[in-house]
Amino acid sequence: MIQITPAIAISESEISEEFIRASGPGGQNVNKVASAVQLRFNVAQSPSLPAGVRERLSRLAGKRLNADGVLIIEARRYRTQAQNRKDALDRLIALIRQAAQPPKTRIKTKPSRASRERRLEAKRQRSTIKRLRRSDPEVD
């Protein structure tokens, strides 16, 4: 079990990893060793995630979530497979933790009387400036 938050833990069986060849530095090793990791986690059918977290996670994932509801995280930052595996898992955990935090509810506020007065006074001044710029057709 991978502990995400005190209330959320996901099983290792829900995560699948595929190793692919990475581009970038590594010399001849790049052509021989599949060091990049493609981590897959099925968000849509995960029994470990509550409905609210699942919804927020799918919104946060964006393009990393495919049509089937599978989250795909690619890690190719490091030269070794082990480091890339850890990086991909850490990124998944961070994403789920971010989705686990419920959004703050907006508290409606009313503009103060003084701020309304300032706004209206600024509008009057702007209107005066624009009125003075106009050419009077009777004067021409």
Protein backbone atom coordinates (compact mmCIF):
# COMPACT_ATOMS: atom_id res chain seq x y z
CA MET A 1 0.00 0.00 0.00
CA ILE A 2 1.20 3.47 -0.90
CA GLN A 3 0.08 5.98 1.72
CA ILE A 4 -0.96 9.27 0.09
CA THR A 5 -2.74 11.02 2.97
CA PRO A 6 -3.88 9.65 6.35
CA ALA A 7 -7.26 8.82 4.74
CA ILE A 8 -6.13 7.75 1.24
CA ALA A 9 -3.90 4.82 0.35
CA ILE A 10 -3.59 3.12 -3.04
CA SER A 11 -2.51 -0.42 -3.73
CA GLU A 12 0.59 -1.18 -5.81
CA SER A 13 -1.60 -3.40 -8.00
CA GLU A 14 -3.51 -0.30 -9.21
CA ILE A 15 -0.30 1.10 -10.72
CA SER A 16 1.35 -0.35 -13.80
CA GLU A 17 4.77 0.62 -15.11
CA GLU A 18 6.12 0.29 -18.61
CA PHE A 19 9.76 0.96 -19.42
CA ILE A 20 10.64 2.78 -22.62
CA ARG A 21 13.82 4.16 -24.16
CA ALA A 22 14.50 7.72 -23.12
CA SER A 23 15.89 10.45 -25.31
CA GLY A 24 18.56 12.85 -24.12
CA PRO A 25 21.95 12.37 -22.46
CA GLY A 26 23.40 8.95 -21.80
CA GLY A 27 25.54 8.24 -24.86
CA GLN A 28 25.35 4.73 -26.30
CA ASN A 29 23.51 3.63 -23.18
CA VAL A 30 20.39 5.54 -24.40
CA ASN A 31 20.06 3.19 -27.37
CA LYS A 32 20.38 0.02 -25.28
CA VAL A 33 18.60 0.56 -21.98
CA ALA A 34 14.92 1.36 -21.42
CA SER A 35 15.41 3.76 -18.52
CA ALA A 36 12.33 5.98 -18.96
CA VAL A 37 9.17 5.00 -17.08
CA GLN A 38 5.56 5.31 -18.18
CA LEU A 39 3.43 4.99 -15.04
CA ARG A 40 -0.28 4.25 -15.53
CA PHE A 41 -2.98 4.72 -12.89
CA ASN A 42 -6.67 4.17 -13.66
CA VAL A 43 -8.33 7.16 -12.02
CA ALA A 44 -11.85 6.36 -13.28
CA GLN A 45 -11.98 2.85 -11.78
CA SER A 46 -9.79 3.22 -8.70
CA PRO A 47 -11.59 1.93 -5.58
CA SER A 48 -9.08 3.75 -3.33
CA LEU A 49 -10.09 7.28 -4.31
CA PRO A 50 -13.22 9.03 -3.00
CA ALA A 51 -15.50 10.55 -5.66
CA GLY A 52 -14.51 14.16 -4.93
CA VAL A 53 -10.80 13.41 -5.11
CA ARG A 54 -11.31 11.40 -8.32
CA GLU A 55 -13.12 14.34 -9.94
CA ARG A 56 -10.51 16.91 -8.87
CA LEU A 57 -7.67 14.59 -9.95
CA SER A 58 -9.13 14.15 -13.42
CA ARG A 59 -9.41 17.95 -13.72
CA LEU A 60 -5.83 18.47 -12.47
CA ALA A 61 -4.38 15.77 -14.73
CA GLY A 62 -5.46 17.54 -17.91
CA LYS A 63 -3.77 16.08 -21.00
CA ARG A 64 -2.10 13.33 -18.97
CA LEU A 65 -5.52 11.65 -18.59
CA ASN A 66 -6.66 9.65 -21.63
CA ALA A 67 -10.23 8.96 -22.78
CA ASP A 68 -10.43 5.74 -20.71
CA GLY A 69 -9.69 7.65 -17.49
CA VAL A 70 -6.12 6.37 -17.20
CA LEU A 71 -3.53 8.80 -15.89
CA ILE A 72 -0.17 8.44 -17.68
CA ILE A 73 2.94 9.95 -16.11
CA GLU A 74 6.21 9.76 -18.05
CA ALA A 75 9.48 10.09 -16.15
CA ARG A 76 12.70 10.43 -18.14
CA ARG A 77 14.53 13.00 -16.07
CA TYR A 78 17.24 10.66 -14.78
CA ARG A 79 19.58 8.17 -16.44
CA THR A 80 18.64 5.21 -14.27
CA GLN A 81 15.42 3.25 -14.29
CA ALA A 82 15.19 3.22 -10.48
CA GLN A 83 15.42 7.00 -10.20
CA ASN A 84 12.83 7.46 -12.94
CA ARG A 85 10.47 4.99 -11.20
CA LYS A 86 10.77 6.92 -7.94
CA ASP A 87 10.27 10.23 -9.78
CA ALA A 88 7.10 9.00 -11.52
CA LEU A 89 5.67 7.64 -8.26
CA ASP A 90 6.51 10.86 -6.39
CA ARG A 91 4.76 12.91 -9.10
CA LEU A 92 1.67 10.68 -8.87
CA ILE A 93 1.57 11.01 -5.07
CA ALA A 94 1.97 14.82 -5.30
CA LEU A 95 -0.85 15.04 -7.84
CA ILE A 96 -3.22 12.93 -5.70
CA ARG A 97 -2.31 14.95 -2.57
CA GLN A 98 -3.11 18.15 -4.45
CA ALA A 99 -6.46 16.69 -5.55
CA ALA A 100 -7.19 15.52 -1.98
CA GLN A 101 -7.24 19.09 -0.68
CA PRO A 102 -10.80 20.40 -1.08
CA PRO A 103 -10.99 23.85 -2.69
CA LYS A 104 -11.64 26.77 -0.38
CA THR A 105 -15.19 28.06 -0.58
CA ARG A 106 -15.46 31.66 -1.71
CA ILE A 107 -16.86 34.05 0.85
CA LYS A 108 -18.91 36.77 -0.82
CA THR A 109 -17.91 40.28 0.16
CA LYS A 110 -19.66 43.56 -0.43
CA PRO A 111 -17.74 46.61 -1.66
CA SER A 112 -17.54 49.28 1.03
CA ARG A 113 -19.42 52.55 0.66
CA ALA A 114 -16.16 54.50 0.36
CA SER A 115 -14.86 52.22 -2.42
CA ARG A 116 -18.13 52.64 -4.35
CA GLU A 117 -17.86 56.41 -3.99
CA ARG A 118 -14.22 56.36 -5.21
CA ARG A 119 -15.21 54.27 -8.22
CA LEU A 120 -18.07 56.60 -9.14
CA GLU A 121 -15.87 59.70 -8.67
CA ALA A 122 -13.22 58.20 -10.96
CA LYS A 123 -15.91 57.50 -13.56
CA ARG A 124 -17.13 61.11 -13.32
CA GLN A 125 -13.58 62.44 -13.78
CA ARG A 126 -12.98 60.19 -16.78
CA SER A 127 -16.30 61.25 -18.27
CA THR A 128 -15.34 64.93 -17.86
CA ILE A 129 -11.98 64.37 -19.58
CA LYS A 130 -13.66 62.63 -22.51
CA ARG A 131 -16.38 65.28 -22.74
CA LEU A 132 -13.74 68.04 -22.93
CA ARG A 133 -11.94 66.19 -25.75
CA ARG A 134 -15.03 66.16 -27.97
CA SER A 135 -15.19 68.79 -30.63
CA ASP A 136 -18.37 70.81 -30.39
CA PRO A 137 -20.10 70.74 -33.83
CA GLU A 138 -21.59 74.25 -33.30
CA VAL A 139 -18.16 75.81 -32.66
CA ASP A 140 -16.58 74.49 -35.94
